[in-house]
Structures are given as structure tokens and as C-alpha cells.
């Protein structure tokens, strides 16, 4: 192998090096969000409202934003009002790319 080729490969981490240790460093960790269930009208799907807070440096004030996500609930065990953790996954439908992970605060049935 020429020195030019060795120079190109020298700065890259070797995938063989990482594979020996049994870890996959190529994937990013899945996004996890905590939100409140606001709808269970669809089969095996829940609507989750996730609140985020951000600081406005100009107004020097804390603001609250929210976004609604659809999450897959295989056992249809969530009810409206539950506080749950959802985890990012592969796209399951056009709008659904999160799955229900576990309860943070469960509403008594």
C-alpha cells in the first residue's frame, strides 16, 4: 500500500476496531421525550403532548412551547392524562415515529 493511501485512511476510525468490542458506535441514541397522553381514539396509537421551555434572552423571560406526537401503544394500555416516556423508533406510519416506553405517572383506573 502506498504512503498516500495510508495517509487517507490514517485519520478515520477503523470500523474493525469498534466491532471487536461488541459496541455499535455508528448509531445515535434514540430520542426520549416525556409527555402527557391527550388522545387514545386510534387503534394502538396515542397522541402525546410534549412541553418544552425556552429562555428568551431579549425579553429575559421563560416561555413554554408544546408539540403533539403520535406514539405506538401495542397493548392499548395508556389512558388520557397519563404521563409517559416515548422513545424514537423507525417510521411506523406517515406521522408515527415514537413508541410507548413506560409510565412516569399513571392515572388510577
C-alpha atoms as a PDB file:
ATOM      1  CA  UNK A   1       0.000   0.000   0.000  1.00  0.00           C
ATOM      2  CA  UNK A   2       1.367   3.400  -0.949  1.00  0.00           C
ATOM      3  CA  UNK A   3       2.029   6.140   1.617  1.00  0.00           C
ATOM      4  CA  UNK A   4      -0.672   8.319   0.049  1.00  0.00           C
ATOM      5  CA  UNK A   5      -3.319   5.663   0.691  1.00  0.00           C
ATOM      6  CA  UNK A   6      -2.124   5.147   4.238  1.00  0.00           C
ATOM      7  CA  UNK A   7      -2.406   8.897   4.816  1.00  0.00           C
ATOM      8  CA  UNK A   8      -6.054   8.941   3.691  1.00  0.00           C
ATOM      9  CA  UNK A   9      -7.046   6.097   5.993  1.00  0.00           C
ATOM     10  CA  UNK A  10      -4.937   7.182   8.960  1.00  0.00           C
ATOM     11  CA  UNK A  11      -7.406   9.833  10.214  1.00  0.00           C
ATOM     12  CA  UNK A  12     -10.504   7.596  10.018  1.00  0.00           C
ATOM     13  CA  UNK A  13     -11.509   5.389  12.935  1.00  0.00           C
ATOM     14  CA  UNK A  14     -11.385   1.746  11.948  1.00  0.00           C
ATOM     15  CA  UNK A  15     -14.763   0.003  11.962  1.00  0.00           C
ATOM     16  CA  UNK A  16     -12.951  -3.248  12.741  1.00  0.00           C
ATOM     17  CA  UNK A  17     -11.547  -1.642  15.895  1.00  0.00           C
ATOM     18  CA  UNK A  18     -15.057  -0.850  17.184  1.00  0.00           C
ATOM     19  CA  UNK A  19     -16.566  -4.180  16.102  1.00  0.00           C
ATOM     20  CA  UNK A  20     -14.105  -6.130  18.265  1.00  0.00           C
ATOM     21  CA  UNK A  21     -15.520  -4.596  21.423  1.00  0.00           C
ATOM     22  CA  UNK A  22     -19.114  -5.561  20.567  1.00  0.00           C
ATOM     23  CA  UNK A  23     -20.445  -1.992  20.529  1.00  0.00           C
ATOM     24  CA  UNK A  24     -22.098  -0.106  17.679  1.00  0.00           C
ATOM     25  CA  UNK A  25     -20.780   3.449  17.659  1.00  0.00           C
ATOM     26  CA  UNK A  26     -22.378   4.304  14.311  1.00  0.00           C
ATOM     27  CA  UNK A  27     -25.948   4.731  15.645  1.00  0.00           C
ATOM     28  CA  UNK A  28     -27.083   7.765  17.595  1.00  0.00           C
ATOM     29  CA  UNK A  29     -29.035   7.103  20.809  1.00  0.00           C
ATOM     30  CA  UNK A  30     -32.815   7.188  20.419  1.00  0.00           C
ATOM     31  CA  UNK A  31     -34.575  10.401  21.398  1.00  0.00           C
ATOM     32  CA  UNK A  32     -36.651  10.051  24.565  1.00  0.00           C
ATOM     33  CA  UNK A  33     -39.398  12.526  25.479  1.00  0.00           C
ATOM     34  CA  UNK A  34     -41.762  12.839  28.444  1.00  0.00           C
ATOM     35  CA  UNK A  35     -45.310  13.935  27.712  1.00  0.00           C
ATOM     36  CA  UNK A  36     -48.956  13.699  28.648  1.00  0.00           C
ATOM     37  CA  UNK A  37     -51.459  11.497  26.787  1.00  0.00           C
ATOM     38  CA  UNK A  38     -54.138  13.697  25.209  1.00  0.00           C
ATOM     39  CA  UNK A  39     -55.885  11.194  22.946  1.00  0.00           C
ATOM     40  CA  UNK A  40     -56.445   7.453  22.510  1.00  0.00           C
ATOM     41  CA  UNK A  41     -59.064   7.435  19.746  1.00  0.00           C
ATOM     42  CA  UNK A  42     -56.963   5.439  17.256  1.00  0.00           C
ATOM     43  CA  UNK A  43     -56.150   1.742  17.478  1.00  0.00           C
ATOM     44  CA  UNK A  44     -52.696   1.046  19.013  1.00  0.00           C
ATOM     45  CA  UNK A  45     -51.838   4.773  18.833  1.00  0.00           C
ATOM     46  CA  UNK A  46     -51.776   7.545  21.428  1.00  0.00           C
ATOM     47  CA  UNK A  47     -51.378  11.292  20.996  1.00  0.00           C
ATOM     48  CA  UNK A  48     -48.802  12.745  23.381  1.00  0.00           C
ATOM     49  CA  UNK A  49     -48.325  16.433  24.201  1.00  0.00           C
ATOM     50  CA  UNK A  50     -44.678  17.255  24.950  1.00  0.00           C
ATOM     51  CA  UNK A  51     -43.955  20.590  26.654  1.00  0.00           C
ATOM     52  CA  UNK A  52     -40.645  22.407  26.202  1.00  0.00           C
ATOM     53  CA  UNK A  53     -39.405  25.509  27.957  1.00  0.00           C
ATOM     54  CA  UNK A  54     -37.030  28.012  26.411  1.00  0.00           C
ATOM     55  CA  UNK A  55     -35.418  31.234  27.607  1.00  0.00           C
ATOM     56  CA  UNK A  56     -35.808  34.395  25.502  1.00  0.00           C
ATOM     57  CA  UNK A  57     -32.635  36.454  26.006  1.00  0.00           C
ATOM     58  CA  UNK A  58     -34.178  39.672  24.666  1.00  0.00           C
ATOM     59  CA  UNK A  59     -37.276  39.628  26.893  1.00  0.00           C
ATOM     60  CA  UNK A  60     -35.447  37.831  29.723  1.00  0.00           C
ATOM     61  CA  UNK A  61     -38.411  35.558  30.140  1.00  0.00           C
ATOM     62  CA  UNK A  62     -39.156  31.816  30.191  1.00  0.00           C
ATOM     63  CA  UNK A  63     -41.632  30.624  27.542  1.00  0.00           C
ATOM     64  CA  UNK A  64     -43.496  27.328  27.195  1.00  0.00           C
ATOM     65  CA  UNK A  65     -43.958  25.601  23.831  1.00  0.00           C
ATOM     66  CA  UNK A  66     -45.611  22.290  23.085  1.00  0.00           C
ATOM     67  CA  UNK A  67     -45.735  19.787  20.271  1.00  0.00           C
ATOM     68  CA  UNK A  68     -48.028  16.801  19.772  1.00  0.00           C
ATOM     69  CA  UNK A  69     -46.542  13.446  18.779  1.00  0.00           C
ATOM     70  CA  UNK A  70     -48.169  10.159  17.836  1.00  0.00           C
ATOM     71  CA  UNK A  71     -46.769   7.108  19.592  1.00  0.00           C
ATOM     72  CA  UNK A  72     -47.330   3.386  19.140  1.00  0.00           C
ATOM     73  CA  UNK A  73     -49.028   1.678  22.109  1.00  0.00           C
ATOM     74  CA  UNK A  74     -49.139  -2.045  21.329  1.00  0.00           C
ATOM     75  CA  UNK A  75     -51.234  -3.123  24.323  1.00  0.00           C
ATOM     76  CA  UNK A  76     -53.555  -0.083  24.229  1.00  0.00           C
ATOM     77  CA  UNK A  77     -52.851   0.388  27.953  1.00  0.00           C
ATOM     78  CA  UNK A  78     -52.488   4.193  28.117  1.00  0.00           C
ATOM     79  CA  UNK A  79     -55.414   6.426  29.071  1.00  0.00           C
ATOM     80  CA  UNK A  80     -55.903  10.180  28.730  1.00  0.00           C
ATOM     81  CA  UNK A  81     -53.992  12.010  31.433  1.00  0.00           C
ATOM     82  CA  UNK A  82     -51.132   9.515  31.868  1.00  0.00           C
ATOM     83  CA  UNK A  83     -47.619  10.959  31.926  1.00  0.00           C
ATOM     84  CA  UNK A  84     -45.437   8.660  29.797  1.00  0.00           C
ATOM     85  CA  UNK A  85     -41.990   8.326  28.264  1.00  0.00           C
ATOM     86  CA  UNK A  86     -41.870   7.824  24.497  1.00  0.00           C
ATOM     87  CA  UNK A  87     -38.829   6.625  22.552  1.00  0.00           C
ATOM     88  CA  UNK A  88     -37.928   7.353  18.927  1.00  0.00           C
ATOM     89  CA  UNK A  89     -38.036   4.423  16.500  1.00  0.00           C
ATOM     90  CA  UNK A  90     -38.223   3.741  12.775  1.00  0.00           C
ATOM     91  CA  UNK A  91     -41.222   5.311  10.992  1.00  0.00           C
ATOM     92  CA  UNK A  92     -44.290   3.167  11.684  1.00  0.00           C
ATOM     93  CA  UNK A  93     -46.648   5.293   9.573  1.00  0.00           C
ATOM     94  CA  UNK A  94     -46.772   8.734   7.996  1.00  0.00           C
ATOM     95  CA  UNK A  95     -46.937  10.569  11.335  1.00  0.00           C
ATOM     96  CA  UNK A  96     -45.915   7.916  13.861  1.00  0.00           C
ATOM     97  CA  UNK A  97     -42.214   7.517  14.718  1.00  0.00           C
ATOM     98  CA  UNK A  98     -42.265   7.040  18.504  1.00  0.00           C
ATOM     99  CA  UNK A  99     -43.177   4.075  20.699  1.00  0.00           C
ATOM    100  CA  UNK A 100     -44.548   3.999  24.245  1.00  0.00           C
ATOM    101  CA  UNK A 101     -41.729   3.049  26.642  1.00  0.00           C
ATOM    102  CA  UNK A 102     -43.116   3.254  30.190  1.00  0.00           C
ATOM    103  CA  UNK A 103     -45.239   5.283  32.600  1.00  0.00           C
ATOM    104  CA  UNK A 104     -43.872   8.203  34.586  1.00  0.00           C
ATOM    105  CA  UNK A 105     -47.166   8.911  36.369  1.00  0.00           C
ATOM    106  CA  UNK A 106     -50.144   6.598  35.891  1.00  0.00           C
ATOM    107  CA  UNK A 107     -53.733   7.806  36.313  1.00  0.00           C
ATOM    108  CA  UNK A 108     -55.747   5.425  38.563  1.00  0.00           C
ATOM    109  CA  UNK A 109     -58.329   3.477  36.543  1.00  0.00           C
END
